[in-house]
Amino acid sequence: MTQTSLPGLFGPIFTLFLVVLGLCVGSFLNVVIARVPAGQSIVHPRSRCPRCGHELSWYENIPLVSWLALRARCRGCKTPISARYPLVELLTGLLYFACLRRFDWTYELVPALVLVSLLVPLTFIDLDHWILPLSMTVSGTLVGLVLAVPRGMDFFRDAALGAAVGFLTFRLMEYVGWKVFKKEALGAGDKYLVAMLCAFLTWRALLGILLFASMQGAVVGILMLLATGRAGPRTEGVPEEEPEGEPPPLTMTWDFTRPGLPLWKRLVLVPFCLLFQPIPDAPLDEEGQEEDWVPDRTSIPFGPWLALAGLELLLLSPWLARVLPADIALMLTGLA
């Protein structure tokens, strides 16, 4: 689609409107980040101080302005308000502006803004809790496919193929990780996030997402490990040393590698194992309940790096296509 610039004063006015909209969306995303992992409603009750329960008035909810006016403290109990809140608001506003610069006032701007609005909360939720809620990634994948329809059947086909191939690729990596390392080597939610990204960016972005996320995550993880002794963010209850003893046995059904299984059954079971076979059961605690997985000091949440790679390909693909050799640019971005 050709880009459409707004004439005269309308351009700056609508640009300012979009940035302010991004700030407001960022304020709402703070609610999503805080409540979705806890299984709480993002609609009710109204925003309130997590310490004293003080309900925020409308003038205490103005993006950026309220945090500055209140001097980063709750009006009720004077508890410091984390800088995370204005950071998320400002980040969302800036990303909305970047999307406008990339796509101008075309239809492509709509899915770009939706993708940003999904990736920002998923990134901070994964950093805080090491989870990627299925309620966001699966529904985000469906939204991405729906938004692909107006862009033509060819684009919809590439988006649907991308969601499927992205999911299966990371499902295979997850499965192989368990087989090789005998422990969780890839987060269970990463494959759903990749499916969502490819639903918006199509299968052509899959290699770029995998390469950029792996390289950037590895470099930062190594630097953090050298500087702080941990590759990822510290989480309450995370052990400082690797647990001793043997890892839990792999209790997997439909295992096509078990001894004595005829070759034809192995071949038949392969696709079922890769697609549907559950990850090995977690070890049980003294009460017979599954123990929560906790990251060790070398673990990093991969979701933020996948999100960053997706944003880089969303916003920087034309620039990458200009600065990289044509064949490499085509493989990483889908643009020659």
C-alpha atoms as a PDB file:
ATOM      1  CA  MET A   1       0.000   0.000   0.000  1.00  0.00           C
ATOM      2  CA  THR A   2       1.132   3.515  -0.701  1.00  0.00           C
ATOM      3  CA  GLN A   3       1.815   5.780   2.234  1.00  0.00           C
ATOM      4  CA  THR A   4      -0.563   8.643   2.938  1.00  0.00           C
ATOM      5  CA  SER A   5       0.695  11.801   4.600  1.00  0.00           C
ATOM      6  CA  LEU A   6      -1.752  14.218   6.206  1.00  0.00           C
ATOM      7  CA  PRO A   7      -1.465  17.772   4.810  1.00  0.00           C
ATOM      8  CA  GLY A   8      -0.865  21.007   6.671  1.00  0.00           C
ATOM      9  CA  LEU A   9      -1.511  21.155  10.398  1.00  0.00           C
ATOM     10  CA  PHE A  10      -3.388  17.868  10.382  1.00  0.00           C
ATOM     11  CA  GLY A  11      -0.150  15.878  10.266  1.00  0.00           C
ATOM     12  CA  PRO A  12       1.338  17.209  13.533  1.00  0.00           C
ATOM     13  CA  ILE A  13      -2.063  17.237  15.262  1.00  0.00           C
ATOM     14  CA  PHE A  14      -2.812  13.610  14.463  1.00  0.00           C
ATOM     15  CA  THR A  15       0.759  12.618  15.251  1.00  0.00           C
ATOM     16  CA  LEU A  16       0.423  14.205  18.685  1.00  0.00           C
ATOM     17  CA  PHE A  17      -2.914  12.461  19.133  1.00  0.00           C
ATOM     18  CA  LEU A  18      -1.341   9.085  18.327  1.00  0.00           C
ATOM     19  CA  VAL A  19       1.513   9.643  20.794  1.00  0.00           C
ATOM     20  CA  VAL A  20      -0.927  10.666  23.538  1.00  0.00           C
ATOM     21  CA  LEU A  21      -2.995   7.604  22.698  1.00  0.00           C
ATOM     22  CA  GLY A  22       0.148   5.518  23.130  1.00  0.00           C
ATOM     23  CA  LEU A  23       0.773   7.051  26.552  1.00  0.00           C
ATOM     24  CA  CYS A  24      -2.809   6.255  27.597  1.00  0.00           C
ATOM     25  CA  VAL A  25      -2.544   2.711  26.277  1.00  0.00           C
ATOM     26  CA  GLY A  26       0.722   2.371  28.191  1.00  0.00           C
ATOM     27  CA  SER A  27      -1.103   3.404  31.379  1.00  0.00           C
ATOM     28  CA  PHE A  28      -3.624   0.628  30.748  1.00  0.00           C
ATOM     29  CA  LEU A  29      -0.833  -1.847  29.995  1.00  0.00           C
ATOM     30  CA  ASN A  30       0.541  -1.205  33.482  1.00  0.00           C
ATOM     31  CA  VAL A  31      -2.738  -2.630  34.776  1.00  0.00           C
ATOM     32  CA  VAL A  32      -2.383  -5.632  32.469  1.00  0.00           C
ATOM     33  CA  ILE A  33       1.184  -6.264  33.657  1.00  0.00           C
ATOM     34  CA  ALA A  34       0.135  -6.151  37.309  1.00  0.00           C
ATOM     35  CA  ARG A  35      -3.136  -8.081  37.154  1.00  0.00           C
ATOM     36  CA  VAL A  36      -2.990 -10.706  34.399  1.00  0.00           C
ATOM     37  CA  PRO A  37      -0.299 -12.876  36.090  1.00  0.00           C
ATOM     38  CA  ALA A  38      -2.376 -12.779  39.296  1.00  0.00           C
ATOM     39  CA  GLY A  39      -5.520 -13.869  37.463  1.00  0.00           C
ATOM     40  CA  GLN A  40      -7.306 -10.612  38.288  1.00  0.00           C
ATOM     41  CA  SER A  41      -9.717  -8.610  36.162  1.00  0.00           C
ATOM     42  CA  ILE A  42      -8.154  -5.796  34.159  1.00  0.00           C
ATOM     43  CA  VAL A  43     -11.435  -3.857  34.278  1.00  0.00           C
ATOM     44  CA  HIS A  44     -12.557  -3.972  37.921  1.00  0.00           C
ATOM     45  CA  PRO A  45     -11.768  -2.674  40.475  1.00  0.00           C
ATOM     46  CA  ARG A  46     -10.372   0.753  39.679  1.00  0.00           C
ATOM     47  CA  SER A  47      -6.643   1.349  39.881  1.00  0.00           C
ATOM     48  CA  ARG A  48      -5.458   1.622  43.471  1.00  0.00           C
ATOM     49  CA  CYS A  49      -2.330   1.715  45.575  1.00  0.00           C
ATOM     50  CA  PRO A  50      -1.195  -1.881  46.178  1.00  0.00           C
ATOM     51  CA  ARG A  51      -0.145  -0.988  49.736  1.00  0.00           C
ATOM     52  CA  CYS A  52      -2.929   1.158  51.254  1.00  0.00           C
ATOM     53  CA  GLY A  53      -5.725   0.474  48.753  1.00  0.00           C
ATOM     54  CA  HIS A  54      -6.195   4.170  47.917  1.00  0.00           C
ATOM     55  CA  GLU A  55      -8.300   4.385  44.732  1.00  0.00           C
ATOM     56  CA  LEU A  56      -6.736   6.654  42.151  1.00  0.00           C
ATOM     57  CA  SER A  57      -8.746   9.643  40.969  1.00  0.00           C
ATOM     58  CA  TRP A  58      -8.746  10.549  37.287  1.00  0.00           C
ATOM     59  CA  TYR A  59      -6.158  13.272  37.858  1.00  0.00           C
ATOM     60  CA  GLU A  60      -3.869  10.707  39.513  1.00  0.00           C
ATOM     61  CA  ASN A  61      -4.022   8.559  36.400  1.00  0.00           C
ATOM     62  CA  ILE A  62      -2.778  11.028  33.790  1.00  0.00           C
ATOM     63  CA  PRO A  63       0.148   9.342  32.000  1.00  0.00           C
ATOM     64  CA  LEU A  64       3.564  10.727  33.009  1.00  0.00           C
ATOM     65  CA  VAL A  65       2.051  13.936  34.410  1.00  0.00           C
ATOM     66  CA  SER A  66       0.513  12.373  37.527  1.00  0.00           C
ATOM     67  CA  TRP A  67       3.708  10.508  38.432  1.00  0.00           C
ATOM     68  CA  LEU A  68       5.680  13.738  38.214  1.00  0.00           C
ATOM     69  CA  ALA A  69       3.043  15.843  39.996  1.00  0.00           C
ATOM     70  CA  LEU A  70       2.806  13.343  42.860  1.00  0.00           C
ATOM     71  CA  ARG A  71       6.608  13.245  43.065  1.00  0.00           C
ATOM     72  CA  ALA A  72       6.507   9.476  42.546  1.00  0.00           C
ATOM     73  CA  ARG A  73       4.602   8.842  45.790  1.00  0.00           C
ATOM     74  CA  CYS A  74       1.116   7.610  46.619  1.00  0.00           C
ATOM     75  CA  ARG A  75      -1.164  10.481  47.709  1.00  0.00           C
ATOM     76  CA  GLY A  76      -2.624   8.273  50.435  1.00  0.00           C
ATOM     77  CA  CYS A  77       0.280   6.540  52.164  1.00  0.00           C
ATOM     78  CA  LYS A  78       3.264   8.277  50.542  1.00  0.00           C
ATOM     79  CA  THR A  79       4.690   4.949  49.385  1.00  0.00           C
ATOM     80  CA  PRO A  80       7.120   5.450  46.477  1.00  0.00           C
ATOM     81  CA  ILE A  81       5.598   4.715  43.064  1.00  0.00           C
ATOM     82  CA  SER A  82       7.902   2.659  40.862  1.00  0.00           C
ATOM     83  CA  ALA A  83       9.453   4.373  37.848  1.00  0.00           C
ATOM     84  CA  ARG A  84       8.262   1.316  35.911  1.00  0.00           C
ATOM     85  CA  TYR A  85       4.840   2.948  35.472  1.00  0.00           C
ATOM     86  CA  PRO A  86       5.948   6.068  33.560  1.00  0.00           C
ATOM     87  CA  LEU A  87       8.574   3.976  31.753  1.00  0.00           C
ATOM     88  CA  VAL A  88       5.910   1.677  30.287  1.00  0.00           C
ATOM     89  CA  GLU A  89       3.759   4.681  29.340  1.00  0.00           C
ATOM     90  CA  LEU A  90       6.657   6.495  27.668  1.00  0.00           C
ATOM     91  CA  LEU A  91       7.896   3.341  25.931  1.00  0.00           C
ATOM     92  CA  THR A  92       4.448   2.643  24.471  1.00  0.00           C
ATOM     93  CA  GLY A  93       4.063   6.249  23.298  1.00  0.00           C
ATOM     94  CA  LEU A  94       7.479   6.209  21.614  1.00  0.00           C
ATOM     95  CA  LEU A  95       6.779   2.869  19.930  1.00  0.00           C
ATOM     96  CA  TYR A  96       3.454   4.204  18.623  1.00  0.00           C
ATOM     97  CA  PHE A  97       5.357   7.157  17.160  1.00  0.00           C
ATOM     98  CA  ALA A  98       7.963   4.805  15.643  1.00  0.00           C
ATOM     99  CA  CYS A  99       5.181   2.760  14.030  1.00  0.00           C
ATOM    100  CA  LEU A 100       3.742   5.934  12.526  1.00  0.00           C
ATOM    101  CA  ARG A 101       7.132   6.875  11.092  1.00  0.00           C
ATOM    102  CA  ARG A 102       7.482   3.379   9.645  1.00  0.00           C
ATOM    103  CA  PHE A 103       4.008   2.937   8.136  1.00  0.00           C
ATOM    104  CA  ASP A 104       2.543   6.444   7.997  1.00  0.00           C
ATOM    105  CA  TRP A 105      -1.270   6.645   7.853  1.00  0.00           C
ATOM    106  CA  THR A 106      -1.846   3.323   6.089  1.00  0.00           C
ATOM    107  CA  TYR A 107      -3.669   0.176   7.143  1.00  0.00           C
ATOM    108  CA  GLU A 108      -0.349  -1.436   8.089  1.00  0.00           C
ATOM    109  CA  LEU A 109      -0.230   0.993  11.021  1.00  0.00           C
ATOM    110  CA  VAL A 110      -3.185  -0.779  12.683  1.00  0.00           C
ATOM    111  CA  PRO A 111      -1.631  -4.259  13.116  1.00  0.00           C
ATOM    112  CA  ALA A 112       1.677  -2.615  14.044  1.00  0.00           C
ATOM    113  CA  LEU A 113       0.065  -0.718  16.936  1.00  0.00           C
ATOM    114  CA  VAL A 114      -1.782  -3.841  18.061  1.00  0.00           C
ATOM    115  CA  LEU A 115       1.439  -5.873  18.036  1.00  0.00           C
ATOM    116  CA  VAL A 116       3.219  -3.217  20.104  1.00  0.00           C
ATOM    117  CA  SER A 117       0.332  -3.208  22.589  1.00  0.00           C
ATOM    118  CA  LEU A 118       0.754  -6.962  23.018  1.00  0.00           C
ATOM    119  CA  LEU A 119       4.546  -7.135  23.171  1.00  0.00           C
ATOM    120  CA  VAL A 120       5.029  -4.446  25.826  1.00  0.00           C
ATOM    121  CA  PRO A 121       3.033  -6.183  28.594  1.00  0.00           C
ATOM    122  CA  LEU A 122       4.266  -9.652  27.597  1.00  0.00           C
ATOM    123  CA  THR A 123       7.856  -8.422  27.918  1.00  0.00           C
ATOM    124  CA  PHE A 124       7.435  -7.047  31.435  1.00  0.00           C
ATOM    125  CA  ILE A 125       5.330  -9.991  32.603  1.00  0.00           C
ATOM    126  CA  ASP A 126       8.050 -12.389  31.470  1.00  0.00           C
ATOM    127  CA  LEU A 127      10.721 -10.285  33.165  1.00  0.00           C
ATOM    128  CA  ASP A 128       8.753 -10.272  36.429  1.00  0.00           C
ATOM    129  CA  HIS A 129       7.269 -13.766  36.502  1.00  0.00           C
ATOM    130  CA  TRP A 130       9.044 -15.813  33.801  1.00  0.00           C
ATOM    131  CA  ILE A 131       5.693 -16.594  32.157  1.00  0.00           C
ATOM    132  CA  LEU A 132       3.926 -15.676  28.917  1.00  0.00           C
ATOM    133  CA  PRO A 133       0.163 -15.905  29.557  1.00  0.00           C
ATOM    134  CA  LEU A 134      -1.645 -18.014  26.970  1.00  0.00           C
ATOM    135  CA  SER A 135      -4.635 -15.705  27.260  1.00  0.00           C
ATOM    136  CA  MET A 136      -2.500 -13.032  25.592  1.00  0.00           C
ATOM    137  CA  THR A 137      -0.341 -15.014  23.164  1.00  0.00           C
ATOM    138  CA  VAL A 138      -3.062 -17.270  21.749  1.00  0.00           C
ATOM    139  CA  SER A 139      -5.631 -14.486  21.451  1.00  0.00           C
ATOM    140  CA  GLY A 140      -2.896 -12.266  19.995  1.00  0.00           C
ATOM    141  CA  THR A 141      -2.220 -14.888  17.324  1.00  0.00           C
ATOM    142  CA  LEU A 142      -5.888 -14.954  16.364  1.00  0.00           C
ATOM    143  CA  VAL A 143      -6.015 -11.150  16.246  1.00  0.00           C
ATOM    144  CA  GLY A 144      -2.931 -11.104  14.031  1.00  0.00           C
ATOM    145  CA  LEU A 145      -4.536 -13.521  11.588  1.00  0.00           C
ATOM    146  CA  VAL A 146      -7.764 -11.514  11.496  1.00  0.00           C
ATOM    147  CA  LEU A 147      -5.867  -8.289  10.838  1.00  0.00           C
ATOM    148  CA  ALA A 148      -3.987 -10.032   8.017  1.00  0.00           C
ATOM    149  CA  VAL A 149      -7.177 -10.620   6.006  1.00  0.00           C
ATOM    150  CA  PRO A 150      -7.573  -7.034   4.688  1.00  0.00           C
ATOM    151  CA  ARG A 151      -3.967  -7.153   3.455  1.00  0.00           C
ATOM    152  CA  GLY A 152      -4.869  -9.824   0.889  1.00  0.00           C
ATOM    153  CA  MET A 153      -5.072 -13.579   0.757  1.00  0.00           C
ATOM    154  CA  ASP A 154      -1.381 -13.942  -0.061  1.00  0.00           C
ATOM    155  CA  PHE A 155      -0.435 -12.093   3.116  1.00  0.00           C
ATOM    156  CA  PHE A 156      -3.011 -14.046   5.150  1.00  0.00           C
ATOM    157  CA  ARG A 157      -1.581 -17.308   3.818  1.00  0.00           C
ATOM    158  CA  ASP A 158       1.941 -16.231   4.781  1.00  0.00           C
ATOM    159  CA  ALA A 159       0.715 -15.155   8.234  1.00  0.00           C
ATOM    160  CA  ALA A 160      -1.125 -18.420   8.879  1.00  0.00           C
ATOM    161  CA  LEU A 161       1.837 -20.426   7.614  1.00  0.00           C
ATOM    162  CA  GLY A 162       4.140 -18.343   9.789  1.00  0.00           C
ATOM    163  CA  ALA A 163       2.081 -18.948  12.931  1.00  0.00           C
ATOM    164  CA  ALA A 164       2.083 -22.700  12.282  1.00  0.00           C
ATOM    165  CA  VAL A 165       5.753 -22.977  11.317  1.00  0.00           C
ATOM    166  CA  GLY A 166       6.872 -20.712  14.155  1.00  0.00           C
ATOM    167  CA  PHE A 167       4.952 -22.759  16.706  1.00  0.00           C
ATOM    168  CA  LEU A 168       6.208 -26.093  15.352  1.00  0.00           C
ATOM    169  CA  THR A 169       9.812 -24.894  15.138  1.00  0.00           C
ATOM    170  CA  PHE A 170       9.915 -23.856  18.781  1.00  0.00           C
ATOM    171  CA  ARG A 171       7.910 -26.932  19.809  1.00  0.00           C
ATOM    172  CA  LEU A 172      10.607 -29.072  18.232  1.00  0.00           C
ATOM    173  CA  MET A 173      13.330 -27.045  19.961  1.00  0.00           C
ATOM    174  CA  GLU A 174      11.496 -27.464  23.267  1.00  0.00           C
ATOM    175  CA  TYR A 175      11.226 -31.223  22.763  1.00  0.00           C
ATOM    176  CA  VAL A 176      14.858 -31.643  21.726  1.00  0.00           C
ATOM    177  CA  GLY A 177      15.939 -29.550  24.719  1.00  0.00           C
ATOM    178  CA  TRP A 178      14.285 -31.988  27.091  1.00  0.00           C
ATOM    179  CA  LYS A 179      15.754 -34.984  25.294  1.00  0.00           C
ATOM    180  CA  VAL A 180      19.303 -33.612  25.171  1.00  0.00           C
ATOM    181  CA  PHE A 181      19.633 -31.654  28.432  1.00  0.00           C
ATOM    182  CA  LYS A 182      17.111 -33.623  30.528  1.00  0.00           C
ATOM    183  CA  LYS A 183      15.620 -30.336  31.763  1.00  0.00           C
ATOM    184  CA  GLU A 184      13.648 -27.349  30.529  1.00  0.00           C
ATOM    185  CA  ALA A 185      15.852 -25.616  27.952  1.00  0.00           C
ATOM    186  CA  LEU A 186      13.151 -23.417  26.420  1.00  0.00           C
ATOM    187  CA  GLY A 187      10.166 -21.826  28.096  1.00  0.00           C
ATOM    188  CA  ALA A 188       6.834 -23.451  27.339  1.00  0.00           C
ATOM    189  CA  GLY A 189       5.273 -20.114  26.422  1.00  0.00           C
ATOM    190  CA  ASP A 190       7.921 -19.106  23.882  1.00  0.00           C
ATOM    191  CA  LYS A 191       6.410 -21.153  21.070  1.00  0.00           C
ATOM    192  CA  TYR A 192       3.078 -19.358  21.466  1.00  0.00           C
ATOM    193  CA  LEU A 193       4.817 -15.971  21.429  1.00  0.00           C
ATOM    194  CA  VAL A 194       6.672 -16.891  18.230  1.00  0.00           C
ATOM    195  CA  ALA A 195       3.398 -18.034  16.661  1.00  0.00           C
ATOM    196  CA  MET A 196       1.894 -14.638  17.541  1.00  0.00           C
ATOM    197  CA  LEU A 197       4.859 -12.739  16.107  1.00  0.00           C
ATOM    198  CA  CYS A 198       4.718 -14.698  12.859  1.00  0.00           C
ATOM    199  CA  ALA A 199       0.953 -14.150  12.609  1.00  0.00           C
ATOM    200  CA  PHE A 200       1.750 -10.427  12.391  1.00  0.00           C
ATOM    201  CA  LEU A 201       5.086 -10.593  10.519  1.00  0.00           C
ATOM    202  CA  THR A 202       4.547 -13.807   8.462  1.00  0.00           C
ATOM    203  CA  TRP A 203       6.867 -16.779   8.125  1.00  0.00           C
ATOM    204  CA  ARG A 204       9.437 -14.628   6.347  1.00  0.00           C
ATOM    205  CA  ALA A 205      10.458 -13.068   9.671  1.00  0.00           C
ATOM    206  CA  LEU A 206      10.971 -16.365  11.529  1.00  0.00           C
ATOM    207  CA  LEU A 207      14.698 -16.746  10.848  1.00  0.00           C
ATOM    208  CA  GLY A 208      15.335 -13.114  11.745  1.00  0.00           C
ATOM    209  CA  ILE A 209      13.371 -13.439  14.986  1.00  0.00           C
ATOM    210  CA  LEU A 210      15.296 -16.549  15.994  1.00  0.00           C
ATOM    211  CA  LEU A 211      18.695 -15.104  15.059  1.00  0.00           C
ATOM    212  CA  PHE A 212      18.251 -11.627  16.574  1.00  0.00           C
ATOM    213  CA  ALA A 213      16.664 -12.923  19.778  1.00  0.00           C
ATOM    214  CA  SER A 214      19.324 -15.596  20.304  1.00  0.00           C
ATOM    215  CA  MET A 215      22.292 -13.325  19.589  1.00  0.00           C
ATOM    216  CA  GLN A 216      21.107 -10.380  21.668  1.00  0.00           C
ATOM    217  CA  GLY A 217      19.889 -12.555  24.528  1.00  0.00           C
ATOM    218  CA  ALA A 218      23.170 -14.492  24.602  1.00  0.00           C
ATOM    219  CA  VAL A 219      25.364 -11.379  24.579  1.00  0.00           C
ATOM    220  CA  VAL A 220      23.422  -9.586  27.307  1.00  0.00           C
ATOM    221  CA  GLY A 221      23.068 -12.797  29.327  1.00  0.00           C
ATOM    222  CA  ILE A 222      26.826 -13.394  29.278  1.00  0.00           C
ATOM    223  CA  LEU A 223      27.559  -9.789  30.250  1.00  0.00           C
ATOM    224  CA  MET A 224      25.035  -9.939  33.096  1.00  0.00           C
ATOM    225  CA  LEU A 225      26.481 -13.258  34.267  1.00  0.00           C
ATOM    226  CA  LEU A 226      29.971 -11.785  34.360  1.00  0.00           C
ATOM    227  CA  ALA A 227      28.846  -8.556  36.042  1.00  0.00           C
ATOM    228  CA  THR A 228      26.295  -9.821  38.578  1.00  0.00           C
ATOM    229  CA  GLY A 229      26.623 -13.600  38.684  1.00  0.00           C
ATOM    230  CA  ARG A 230      23.152 -14.016  37.134  1.00  0.00           C
ATOM    231  CA  ALA A 231      22.192 -14.055  33.462  1.00  0.00           C
ATOM    232  CA  GLY A 232      18.575 -13.049  34.058  1.00  0.00           C
ATOM    233  CA  PRO A 233      16.651 -10.957  36.575  1.00  0.00           C
ATOM    234  CA  ARG A 234      16.681 -12.144  40.171  1.00  0.00           C
ATOM    235  CA  THR A 235      13.445 -13.750  41.310  1.00  0.00           C
ATOM    236  CA  GLU A 236      12.401 -14.516  44.869  1.00  0.00           C
ATOM    237  CA  GLY A 237      13.107 -18.142  45.679  1.00  0.00           C
ATOM    238  CA  VAL A 238      15.661 -18.660  42.907  1.00  0.00           C
ATOM    239  CA  PRO A 239      18.540 -20.867  44.093  1.00  0.00           C
ATOM    240  CA  GLU A 240      22.032 -19.393  43.873  1.00  0.00           C
ATOM    241  CA  GLU A 241      23.587 -22.723  42.941  1.00  0.00           C
ATOM    242  CA  GLU A 242      22.537 -25.542  40.679  1.00  0.00           C
ATOM    243  CA  PRO A 243      20.453 -28.108  42.609  1.00  0.00           C
ATOM    244  CA  GLU A 244      22.304 -31.283  43.420  1.00  0.00           C
ATOM    245  CA  GLY A 245      21.211 -34.759  42.469  1.00  0.00           C
ATOM    246  CA  GLU A 246      19.823 -36.332  39.349  1.00  0.00           C
ATOM    247  CA  PRO A 247      17.180 -34.518  37.301  1.00  0.00           C
ATOM    248  CA  PRO A 248      13.644 -35.943  37.437  1.00  0.00           C
ATOM    249  CA  PRO A 249      13.034 -38.868  35.095  1.00  0.00           C
ATOM    250  CA  LEU A 250      11.333 -38.222  31.790  1.00  0.00           C
ATOM    251  CA  THR A 251       7.798 -39.537  32.218  1.00  0.00           C
ATOM    252  CA  MET A 252       6.590 -38.982  28.675  1.00  0.00           C
ATOM    253  CA  THR A 253       3.782 -40.818  26.924  1.00  0.00           C
ATOM    254  CA  TRP A 254       3.810 -42.022  23.322  1.00  0.00           C
ATOM    255  CA  ASP A 255       7.622 -42.108  23.466  1.00  0.00           C
ATOM    256  CA  PHE A 256       8.845 -43.203  20.030  1.00  0.00           C
ATOM    257  CA  THR A 257      12.392 -43.797  21.401  1.00  0.00           C
ATOM    258  CA  ARG A 258      11.571 -46.509  23.912  1.00  0.00           C
ATOM    259  CA  PRO A 259      13.377 -49.846  23.347  1.00  0.00           C
ATOM    260  CA  GLY A 260      11.632 -52.641  21.499  1.00  0.00           C
ATOM    261  CA  LEU A 261       9.229 -50.415  19.539  1.00  0.00           C
ATOM    262  CA  PRO A 262       8.907 -51.485  15.886  1.00  0.00           C
ATOM    263  CA  LEU A 263      10.221 -49.039  13.292  1.00  0.00           C
ATOM    264  CA  TRP A 264       6.820 -48.455  11.690  1.00  0.00           C
ATOM    265  CA  LYS A 265       5.353 -47.466  15.063  1.00  0.00           C
ATOM    266  CA  ARG A 266       8.258 -45.094  15.675  1.00  0.00           C
ATOM    267  CA  LEU A 267       7.584 -43.343  12.368  1.00  0.00           C
ATOM    268  CA  VAL A 268       3.842 -43.134  13.035  1.00  0.00           C
ATOM    269  CA  LEU A 269       4.351 -41.752  16.538  1.00  0.00           C
ATOM    270  CA  VAL A 270       6.902 -39.078  15.619  1.00  0.00           C
ATOM    271  CA  PRO A 271       4.417 -36.330  14.651  1.00  0.00           C
ATOM    272  CA  PHE A 272       2.180 -37.105  17.641  1.00  0.00           C
ATOM    273  CA  CYS A 273       5.120 -36.898  20.048  1.00  0.00           C
ATOM    274  CA  LEU A 274       6.401 -33.624  18.659  1.00  0.00           C
ATOM    275  CA  LEU A 275       2.989 -31.943  18.573  1.00  0.00           C
ATOM    276  CA  PHE A 276       1.039 -33.264  21.524  1.00  0.00           C
ATOM    277  CA  GLN A 277       3.352 -35.115  23.906  1.00  0.00           C
ATOM    278  CA  PRO A 278       3.514 -33.218  27.185  1.00  0.00           C
ATOM    279  CA  ILE A 279       6.765 -31.925  28.601  1.00  0.00           C
ATOM    280  CA  PRO A 280       8.096 -34.208  31.372  1.00  0.00           C
ATOM    281  CA  ASP A 281       6.249 -33.959  34.646  1.00  0.00           C
ATOM    282  CA  ALA A 282       7.758 -31.594  37.194  1.00  0.00           C
ATOM    283  CA  PRO A 283       9.106 -33.147  40.411  1.00  0.00           C
ATOM    284  CA  LEU A 284       6.609 -33.374  43.282  1.00  0.00           C
ATOM    285  CA  ASP A 285       6.937 -31.735  46.658  1.00  0.00           C
ATOM    286  CA  GLU A 286       6.255 -33.392  50.026  1.00  0.00           C
ATOM    287  CA  GLU A 287       2.508 -32.825  49.612  1.00  0.00           C
ATOM    288  CA  GLY A 288       2.427 -34.477  46.211  1.00  0.00           C
ATOM    289  CA  GLN A 289       2.000 -31.207  44.316  1.00  0.00           C
ATOM    290  CA  GLU A 290       4.123 -30.201  41.325  1.00  0.00           C
ATOM    291  CA  GLU A 291       6.976 -27.948  42.365  1.00  0.00           C
ATOM    292  CA  ASP A 292       7.115 -24.551  40.692  1.00  0.00           C
ATOM    293  CA  TRP A 293       9.987 -24.184  38.268  1.00  0.00           C
ATOM    294  CA  VAL A 294      12.544 -21.603  39.364  1.00  0.00           C
ATOM    295  CA  PRO A 295      15.277 -20.278  37.075  1.00  0.00           C
ATOM    296  CA  ASP A 296      18.901 -20.914  37.967  1.00  0.00           C
ATOM    297  CA  ARG A 297      21.595 -18.250  37.714  1.00  0.00           C
ATOM    298  CA  THR A 298      22.333 -19.018  34.036  1.00  0.00           C
ATOM    299  CA  SER A 299      18.696 -18.824  32.904  1.00  0.00           C
ATOM    300  CA  ILE A 300      17.280 -15.840  31.039  1.00  0.00           C
ATOM    301  CA  PRO A 301      13.662 -15.125  30.117  1.00  0.00           C
ATOM    302  CA  PHE A 302      13.611 -15.511  26.325  1.00  0.00           C
ATOM    303  CA  GLY A 303      10.284 -13.763  25.775  1.00  0.00           C
ATOM    304  CA  PRO A 304      11.685 -10.207  26.025  1.00  0.00           C
ATOM    305  CA  TRP A 305      14.341 -11.001  23.435  1.00  0.00           C
ATOM    306  CA  LEU A 306      11.782 -12.521  21.084  1.00  0.00           C
ATOM    307  CA  ALA A 307       9.663  -9.396  21.539  1.00  0.00           C
ATOM    308  CA  LEU A 308      12.661  -7.141  20.875  1.00  0.00           C
ATOM    309  CA  ALA A 309      13.547  -9.079  17.724  1.00  0.00           C
ATOM    310  CA  GLY A 310       9.944  -8.810  16.531  1.00  0.00           C
ATOM    311  CA  LEU A 311       9.942  -5.038  17.082  1.00  0.00           C
ATOM    312  CA  GLU A 312      13.266  -4.689  15.278  1.00  0.00           C
ATOM    313  CA  LEU A 313      11.934  -6.524  12.243  1.00  0.00           C
ATOM    314  CA  LEU A 314       8.648  -4.602  12.376  1.00  0.00           C
ATOM    315  CA  LEU A 315      10.312  -1.183  12.480  1.00  0.00           C
ATOM    316  CA  LEU A 316      13.763  -1.626  10.937  1.00  0.00           C
ATOM    317  CA  SER A 317      13.238  -4.073   8.061  1.00  0.00           C
ATOM    318  CA  PRO A 318      13.605  -1.447   5.274  1.00  0.00           C
ATOM    319  CA  TRP A 319      16.814  -0.131   6.851  1.00  0.00           C
ATOM    320  CA  LEU A 320      18.186  -3.669   7.292  1.00  0.00           C
ATOM    321  CA  ALA A 321      17.351  -4.402   3.659  1.00  0.00           C
ATOM    322  CA  ARG A 322      19.465  -1.385   2.633  1.00  0.00           C
ATOM    323  CA  VAL A 323      22.526  -2.044   4.806  1.00  0.00           C
ATOM    324  CA  LEU A 324      22.728  -5.838   4.577  1.00  0.00           C
ATOM    325  CA  PRO A 325      23.655  -7.886   1.507  1.00  0.00           C
ATOM    326  CA  ALA A 326      20.543  -8.666  -0.499  1.00  0.00           C
ATOM    327  CA  ASP A 327      20.572 -12.423   0.156  1.00  0.00           C
ATOM    328  CA  ILE A 328      21.016 -11.996   3.922  1.00  0.00           C
ATOM    329  CA  ALA A 329      18.379  -9.267   4.078  1.00  0.00           C
ATOM    330  CA  LEU A 330      15.941 -11.498   2.216  1.00  0.00           C
ATOM    331  CA  MET A 331      16.504 -14.377   4.649  1.00  0.00           C
ATOM    332  CA  LEU A 332      16.173 -12.224   7.778  1.00  0.00           C
ATOM    333  CA  THR A 333      13.462  -9.751   6.832  1.00  0.00           C
ATOM    334  CA  GLY A 334      11.777 -11.058   3.695  1.00  0.00           C
ATOM    335  CA  LEU A 335      12.805  -7.833   1.945  1.00  0.00           C
ATOM    336  CA  ALA A 336      15.413  -7.756  -0.808  1.00  0.00           C
END
